[in-house]
Amino acid sequence: MIQLRLGPDDLARIRFALSPLEELVHSVPVLTGSGQHMVHRPWRAKALSAVAGIDLRVLADLTRGPRFVADFLAVPPEAMTGRFGDELDALASTPADDVVRSLEELRTGQGLPESLRPLHEHPERELSRLVATMTLYWRAAIEPVWPRLRSLGDADVAHRARQLTSGGLDRVFADLHPEVTYASGVLNIDKPHHNAVRAASGAGLLLVPCVFAWPRLLVLHNAPQQPTLTYSPRGIGQLWSARDDARSQPLAELMGRSRAALLVHLDLPVSTTQLAAYLGVSSAAVSQHLAVLRRCGLVTSHRSGRWMLHQRTALATELLQPAEEPKSR
């Protein structure tokens, strides 16, 4: 059991953040098969071919632990939505002693895996190699899907913010994850292999929705890091589902194939660039179609950091539903 005690100052410093680096770190066990990946099979099938030729042995051994990954890999992000380059720079500047200490926590009865011994013995030199590997892996496997991961995270944060406003922390933690219970300023996290108590002491609490964390709840509770819970966002079951182009056929006859196909892809908030990649057209063409659909009340758009995200309205979803056949008399 892990217990986090939150005082009045901590309750005022609860925040959310999205982290591309956390997505990368927790995707590795999914890719290598050491983590549960049923939900992520469509992504894994494409990513395996995309990362062919990248030596992932060190990264895999750093993330394959049954109870935790190396702490230095995922320091809590400072910004609401971290930039991968900034997070990677922070990782690259990790003090050697912190790297060694984190590796010591991964030891088993047989010691460290052979692939991690150079990092343990020469952390300054090997950390730069690890960062280079993570950069290659990001570009091949995570960056192409990051806008969609971010969209799901944004939607979850908006939902949790509404919960916090309407029902307080009791409501936020009631369905965050089955391992979490909250009462009177105390978070109890059901981790049978851990026995730890930490008073946050003004550090607050960070909540990070992470697609590749599914179905686990990941906890960072060691001082001096800010206590952090990494959990699966809502709607993850539909993240990689194939779009049903047949749904858009009747609508395509009314408004054209491009605009109908665009609406099919807007079940979650998606950026203009990602829509262009999905449809194989230019961003300028997508922007023109979106402008028309917004005027018709079929799409809403909002800015999130550097991204302009778009999502279809309830009316558009209704229009995509198959029409009922008229009943014969």
Protein backbone atom coordinates (compact mmCIF):
# COMPACT_ATOMS: atom_id res chain seq x y z
CA MET A 1 0.00 0.00 0.00
CA ILE A 2 1.20 3.50 -0.85
CA GLN A 3 -0.31 6.35 1.12
CA LEU A 4 -0.06 9.98 0.06
CA ARG A 5 -1.11 12.52 2.67
CA LEU A 6 -2.26 15.82 1.22
CA GLY A 7 -2.44 18.92 3.38
CA PRO A 8 -4.35 22.14 2.58
CA ASP A 9 -1.40 23.52 0.58
CA ASP A 10 -1.21 20.31 -1.46
CA LEU A 11 -4.92 20.33 -2.25
CA ALA A 12 -4.46 23.81 -3.69
CA ARG A 13 -1.60 22.59 -5.88
CA ILE A 14 -3.20 19.63 -7.63
CA ARG A 15 -2.61 19.96 -11.34
CA PHE A 16 -2.80 17.99 -14.60
CA ALA A 17 -0.17 17.61 -17.30
CA LEU A 18 0.41 15.72 -20.54
CA SER A 19 3.85 14.29 -21.21
CA PRO A 20 5.09 13.03 -24.59
CA LEU A 21 8.09 11.54 -22.78
CA GLU A 22 5.85 9.49 -20.49
CA GLU A 23 3.96 8.21 -23.53
CA LEU A 24 7.26 7.13 -25.07
CA VAL A 25 8.52 5.43 -21.90
CA HIS A 26 5.33 3.49 -21.26
CA SER A 27 4.93 2.50 -24.91
CA VAL A 28 8.15 0.47 -24.89
CA PRO A 29 6.81 -2.47 -22.84
CA VAL A 30 3.77 -2.48 -25.14
CA LEU A 31 5.99 -2.65 -28.21
CA THR A 32 8.36 -5.31 -26.83
CA GLY A 33 5.56 -7.47 -25.49
CA SER A 34 6.60 -7.23 -21.84
CA GLY A 35 3.49 -5.18 -21.03
CA GLN A 36 -0.20 -5.79 -21.65
CA HIS A 37 -1.08 -4.43 -25.07
CA MET A 38 -4.43 -5.83 -26.19
CA VAL A 39 -5.91 -2.34 -26.64
CA HIS A 40 -2.82 -1.15 -28.51
CA ARG A 41 -2.45 -3.98 -31.03
CA PRO A 42 -3.19 -1.76 -34.08
CA TRP A 43 -0.49 0.71 -33.04
CA ARG A 44 1.98 -2.05 -32.18
CA ALA A 45 1.59 -3.73 -35.56
CA LYS A 46 2.64 -0.54 -37.36
CA ALA A 47 5.27 0.53 -34.84
CA LEU A 48 7.17 -2.77 -34.98
CA SER A 49 8.04 -2.22 -38.61
CA ALA A 50 8.71 1.49 -38.08
CA VAL A 51 11.38 0.86 -35.40
CA ALA A 52 13.16 -1.95 -37.23
CA GLY A 53 16.88 -1.27 -37.03
CA ILE A 54 16.72 0.72 -33.78
CA ASP A 55 18.51 -1.02 -30.90
CA LEU A 56 15.99 -0.84 -28.05
CA ARG A 57 17.64 -3.27 -25.62
CA VAL A 58 18.68 -0.66 -23.04
CA LEU A 59 15.38 1.21 -23.22
CA ALA A 60 13.43 -2.04 -23.00
CA ASP A 61 15.32 -3.22 -19.91
CA LEU A 62 14.80 0.17 -18.24
CA THR A 63 11.03 -0.11 -18.67
CA ARG A 64 10.23 -3.80 -18.34
CA GLY A 65 10.11 -3.97 -14.54
CA PRO A 66 6.86 -5.52 -13.28
CA ARG A 67 6.42 -2.88 -10.58
CA PHE A 68 8.15 0.25 -11.84
CA VAL A 69 10.39 1.81 -14.47
CA ALA A 70 13.59 3.72 -13.81
CA ASP A 71 12.53 6.99 -12.14
CA PHE A 72 14.96 9.19 -14.07
CA LEU A 73 13.18 8.35 -17.35
CA ALA A 74 10.02 10.28 -16.55
CA VAL A 75 10.55 13.30 -14.33
CA PRO A 76 7.19 15.07 -13.70
CA PRO A 77 6.61 17.66 -16.46
CA GLU A 78 6.54 21.32 -15.51
CA ALA A 79 4.19 22.54 -18.24
CA MET A 80 0.56 21.57 -18.81
CA THR A 81 1.64 19.98 -22.07
CA GLY A 82 5.33 19.24 -22.24
CA ARG A 83 7.38 19.51 -25.41
CA PHE A 84 9.29 16.35 -26.18
CA GLY A 85 12.52 18.19 -26.89
CA ASP A 86 12.38 20.04 -23.58
CA GLU A 87 11.61 16.87 -21.63
CA LEU A 88 14.42 15.00 -23.35
CA ASP A 89 16.87 17.82 -22.59
CA ALA A 90 15.89 17.57 -18.92
CA LEU A 91 16.48 13.82 -18.99
CA ALA A 92 19.87 14.30 -20.67
CA SER A 93 20.97 16.58 -17.82
CA THR A 94 20.12 14.02 -15.10
CA PRO A 95 22.98 13.89 -12.56
CA ALA A 96 25.03 10.69 -12.75
CA ASP A 97 24.28 9.87 -9.12
CA ASP A 98 20.54 9.98 -9.83
CA VAL A 99 20.92 7.61 -12.76
CA VAL A 100 22.91 5.15 -10.67
CA ARG A 101 20.47 5.38 -7.76
CA SER A 102 17.54 4.73 -10.09
CA LEU A 103 19.29 1.71 -11.59
CA GLU A 104 19.98 0.31 -8.14
CA GLU A 105 16.23 0.21 -7.55
CA LEU A 106 15.86 -2.03 -10.61
CA ARG A 107 18.27 -4.65 -9.31
CA THR A 108 17.03 -8.20 -8.93
CA GLY A 109 18.66 -11.12 -7.17
CA GLN A 110 20.83 -11.61 -10.26
CA GLY A 111 21.84 -7.96 -10.48
CA LEU A 112 21.26 -5.62 -13.39
CA PRO A 113 20.60 -6.97 -16.88
CA GLU A 114 23.78 -7.08 -18.96
CA SER A 115 22.51 -4.29 -21.22
CA LEU A 116 22.25 -1.83 -18.29
CA ARG A 117 25.71 -2.37 -16.80
CA PRO A 118 27.45 0.20 -19.05
CA LEU A 119 24.85 2.81 -18.01
CA HIS A 120 25.44 1.94 -14.37
CA GLU A 121 29.24 2.12 -14.69
CA HIS A 122 29.50 5.10 -17.08
CA PRO A 123 26.25 7.08 -16.71
CA GLU A 124 27.49 10.32 -18.32
CA ARG A 125 28.63 8.60 -21.52
CA GLU A 126 25.79 6.10 -21.82
CA LEU A 127 23.01 8.55 -21.00
CA SER A 128 23.75 10.50 -24.18
CA ARG A 129 23.48 7.28 -26.19
CA LEU A 130 20.18 6.48 -24.52
CA VAL A 131 18.85 9.94 -25.39
CA ALA A 132 19.86 9.43 -29.03
CA THR A 133 17.99 6.12 -29.10
CA MET A 134 14.90 7.70 -27.57
CA THR A 135 14.98 10.43 -30.21
CA LEU A 136 14.98 7.86 -33.01
CA TYR A 137 12.22 5.89 -31.33
CA TRP A 138 10.10 9.01 -30.85
CA ARG A 139 10.31 9.96 -34.51
CA ALA A 140 9.51 6.47 -35.70
CA ALA A 141 6.80 5.29 -33.30
CA ILE A 142 5.31 8.07 -31.18
CA GLU A 143 5.53 11.38 -33.03
CA PRO A 144 3.23 10.20 -35.88
CA VAL A 145 0.44 9.46 -33.36
CA TRP A 146 1.20 12.15 -30.77
CA PRO A 147 -1.59 14.53 -31.92
CA ARG A 148 -4.15 11.78 -31.32
CA LEU A 149 -2.64 10.82 -27.96
CA ARG A 150 -2.68 14.47 -26.98
CA SER A 151 -6.28 14.86 -28.10
CA LEU A 152 -7.40 12.01 -25.87
CA GLY A 153 -5.41 13.46 -22.97
CA ASP A 154 -6.88 16.93 -23.49
CA ALA A 155 -10.38 15.49 -23.50
CA ASP A 156 -9.71 13.59 -20.26
CA VAL A 157 -8.26 16.64 -18.50
CA ALA A 158 -11.33 18.68 -19.51
CA HIS A 159 -13.56 15.94 -18.07
CA ARG A 160 -11.61 15.80 -14.79
CA ALA A 161 -11.74 19.58 -14.50
CA ARG A 162 -15.53 19.45 -14.76
CA GLN A 163 -15.59 16.72 -12.11
CA LEU A 164 -13.44 18.83 -9.82
CA THR A 165 -15.74 21.81 -10.26
CA SER A 166 -18.95 19.89 -9.71
CA GLY A 167 -17.95 17.28 -7.12
CA GLY A 168 -14.51 18.05 -5.75
CA LEU A 169 -11.68 15.58 -5.32
CA ASP A 170 -14.02 12.83 -4.14
CA ARG A 171 -15.54 12.75 -7.61
CA VAL A 172 -12.21 13.03 -9.44
CA PHE A 173 -10.72 10.02 -7.68
CA ALA A 174 -13.91 7.96 -7.63
CA ASP A 175 -13.28 6.69 -11.16
CA LEU A 176 -9.65 7.62 -11.83
CA HIS A 177 -8.44 4.04 -11.32
CA PRO A 178 -9.64 1.03 -9.29
CA GLU A 179 -6.43 1.06 -7.21
CA VAL A 180 -7.08 4.58 -5.87
CA THR A 181 -9.29 5.58 -2.96
CA TYR A 182 -9.48 9.04 -1.43
CA ALA A 183 -10.87 10.31 1.86
CA SER A 184 -10.17 13.36 3.99
CA GLY A 185 -6.94 14.38 2.32
CA VAL A 186 -5.44 10.87 2.15
CA LEU A 187 -4.85 8.93 -1.07
CA ASN A 188 -4.54 5.18 -0.60
CA ILE A 189 -3.06 3.36 -3.59
CA ASP A 190 -3.38 -0.40 -3.62
CA LYS A 191 0.12 -1.61 -4.54
CA PRO A 192 0.70 -4.92 -2.68
CA HIS A 193 4.47 -4.94 -3.26
CA HIS A 194 4.97 -1.45 -1.83
CA ASN A 195 4.78 -0.16 1.71
CA ALA A 196 5.28 3.60 1.73
CA VAL A 197 3.81 6.68 3.35
CA ARG A 198 4.59 10.18 2.12
CA ALA A 199 3.32 13.53 3.25
CA ALA A 200 3.35 15.78 0.19
CA SER A 201 4.28 18.72 2.44
CA GLY A 202 3.27 21.43 0.01
CA ALA A 203 4.58 19.73 -3.13
CA GLY A 204 1.04 19.16 -4.34
CA LEU A 205 -0.01 16.33 -6.63
CA LEU A 206 0.38 15.85 -10.38
CA LEU A 207 -2.10 13.79 -12.42
CA VAL A 208 -0.89 12.64 -15.84
CA PRO A 209 -3.23 10.88 -18.29
CA CYS A 210 -1.11 8.54 -20.41
CA VAL A 211 -2.48 6.30 -23.16
CA PHE A 212 0.26 3.68 -22.94
CA ALA A 213 -0.08 3.37 -19.18
CA TRP A 214 -3.22 1.27 -19.73
CA PRO A 215 -4.32 -0.65 -17.72
CA ARG A 216 -1.87 0.23 -14.94
CA LEU A 217 -1.71 3.05 -12.44
CA LEU A 218 1.86 4.32 -12.11
CA VAL A 219 2.95 6.13 -8.97
CA LEU A 220 5.96 8.36 -8.36
CA HIS A 221 6.16 9.01 -4.63
CA ASN A 222 9.86 9.32 -3.85
CA ALA A 223 11.00 12.70 -2.54
CA PRO A 224 12.06 15.22 -3.71
CA GLN A 225 9.97 14.67 -6.86
CA GLN A 226 6.41 15.94 -6.87
CA PRO A 227 4.02 13.05 -6.12
CA THR A 228 2.61 11.90 -9.45
CA LEU A 229 -0.13 9.52 -10.56
CA THR A 230 -0.03 8.39 -14.19
CA TYR A 231 -3.30 6.82 -15.31
CA SER A 232 -5.21 5.80 -18.44
CA PRO A 233 -7.46 8.46 -19.96
CA ARG A 234 -11.11 7.84 -20.76
CA GLY A 235 -12.05 6.64 -24.24
CA ILE A 236 -8.91 4.63 -24.79
CA GLY A 237 -10.87 1.67 -26.17
CA GLN A 238 -11.72 3.62 -29.33
CA LEU A 239 -8.31 5.22 -29.86
CA TRP A 240 -7.00 2.87 -32.54
CA SER A 241 -10.33 1.65 -33.91
CA ALA A 242 -10.53 1.71 -37.67
CA ARG A 243 -12.72 4.38 -39.17
CA ASP A 244 -15.85 3.04 -40.83
CA ASP A 245 -15.79 4.70 -44.24
CA ALA A 246 -19.16 3.15 -45.06
CA ARG A 247 -20.77 5.48 -42.53
CA SER A 248 -19.76 8.47 -44.62
CA GLN A 249 -21.13 7.23 -47.95
CA PRO A 250 -24.65 8.72 -47.75
CA LEU A 251 -23.25 11.96 -46.36
CA ALA A 252 -20.64 12.05 -49.12
CA GLU A 253 -23.44 12.22 -51.68
CA LEU A 254 -24.69 15.35 -49.94
CA MET A 255 -21.50 17.27 -49.08
CA GLY A 256 -18.68 15.52 -50.94
CA ARG A 257 -16.34 12.67 -50.03
CA SER A 258 -13.58 14.78 -48.45
CA ARG A 259 -15.83 16.58 -45.98
CA ALA A 260 -17.72 13.41 -45.07
CA ALA A 261 -14.44 11.49 -44.52
CA LEU A 262 -13.15 14.37 -42.41
CA LEU A 263 -16.17 14.13 -40.10
CA VAL A 264 -15.57 10.40 -39.61
CA HIS A 265 -12.09 11.17 -38.23
CA LEU A 266 -13.31 13.82 -35.80
CA ASP A 267 -14.70 11.58 -33.05
CA LEU A 268 -11.87 12.92 -30.84
CA PRO A 269 -10.21 16.35 -31.02
CA VAL A 270 -7.64 16.23 -33.85
CA SER A 271 -5.24 18.81 -35.25
CA THR A 272 -5.33 20.20 -38.79
CA THR A 273 -1.96 18.61 -39.58
CA GLN A 274 -3.06 15.20 -38.38
CA LEU A 275 -6.28 15.39 -40.40
CA ALA A 276 -4.25 16.20 -43.48
CA ALA A 277 -2.08 13.13 -42.84
CA TYR A 278 -5.12 10.90 -42.31
CA LEU A 279 -6.78 12.04 -45.54
CA GLY A 280 -3.70 12.46 -47.71
CA VAL A 281 -4.46 16.09 -48.61
CA SER A 282 -2.86 19.44 -47.84
CA SER A 283 -3.39 21.29 -44.56
CA ALA A 284 -4.76 24.22 -46.56
CA ALA A 285 -7.46 21.99 -48.08
CA VAL A 286 -8.38 20.65 -44.65
CA SER A 287 -8.65 24.19 -43.27
CA GLN A 288 -11.04 25.16 -46.09
CA HIS A 289 -13.27 22.14 -45.45
CA LEU A 290 -13.25 22.80 -41.69
CA ALA A 291 -14.30 26.41 -42.21
CA VAL A 292 -17.36 25.28 -44.16
CA LEU A 293 -18.24 22.59 -41.62
CA ARG A 294 -17.93 25.07 -38.73
CA ARG A 295 -20.34 27.46 -40.46
CA CYS A 296 -22.79 24.58 -40.81
CA GLY A 297 -22.55 23.72 -37.10
CA LEU A 298 -20.90 20.34 -37.76
CA VAL A 299 -17.44 21.05 -36.29
CA THR A 300 -16.09 22.95 -33.30
CA SER A 301 -12.48 24.13 -32.97
CA HIS A 302 -10.40 25.28 -30.02
CA ARG A 303 -6.75 26.04 -29.40
CA SER A 304 -4.67 23.89 -27.03
CA GLY A 305 -1.13 25.22 -26.77
CA ARG A 306 0.39 25.23 -30.25
CA TRP A 307 -2.37 23.05 -31.66
CA MET A 308 -5.74 23.95 -33.11
CA LEU A 309 -7.95 20.96 -32.35
CA HIS A 310 -11.20 20.12 -34.13
CA GLN A 311 -14.05 17.79 -33.19
CA ARG A 312 -17.40 17.02 -34.75
CA THR A 313 -20.59 18.18 -33.04
CA ALA A 314 -23.48 16.03 -31.86
CA LEU A 315 -25.35 17.02 -35.02
CA ALA A 316 -22.52 15.69 -37.21
CA THR A 317 -22.43 12.43 -35.25
CA GLU A 318 -26.15 12.04 -35.77
CA LEU A 319 -25.78 12.63 -39.50
CA LEU A 320 -23.20 9.83 -39.67
CA GLN A 321 -25.61 7.30 -38.18
CA PRO A 322 -27.12 4.91 -40.73
CA ALA A 323 -30.62 5.87 -41.74
CA GLU A 324 -33.42 3.51 -40.81
CA GLU A 325 -35.09 1.74 -43.67
CA PRO A 326 -38.74 2.74 -44.13
CA LYS A 327 -41.09 0.11 -42.83
CA SER A 328 -43.25 -1.59 -45.45
CA ARG A 329 -46.97 -1.86 -44.87
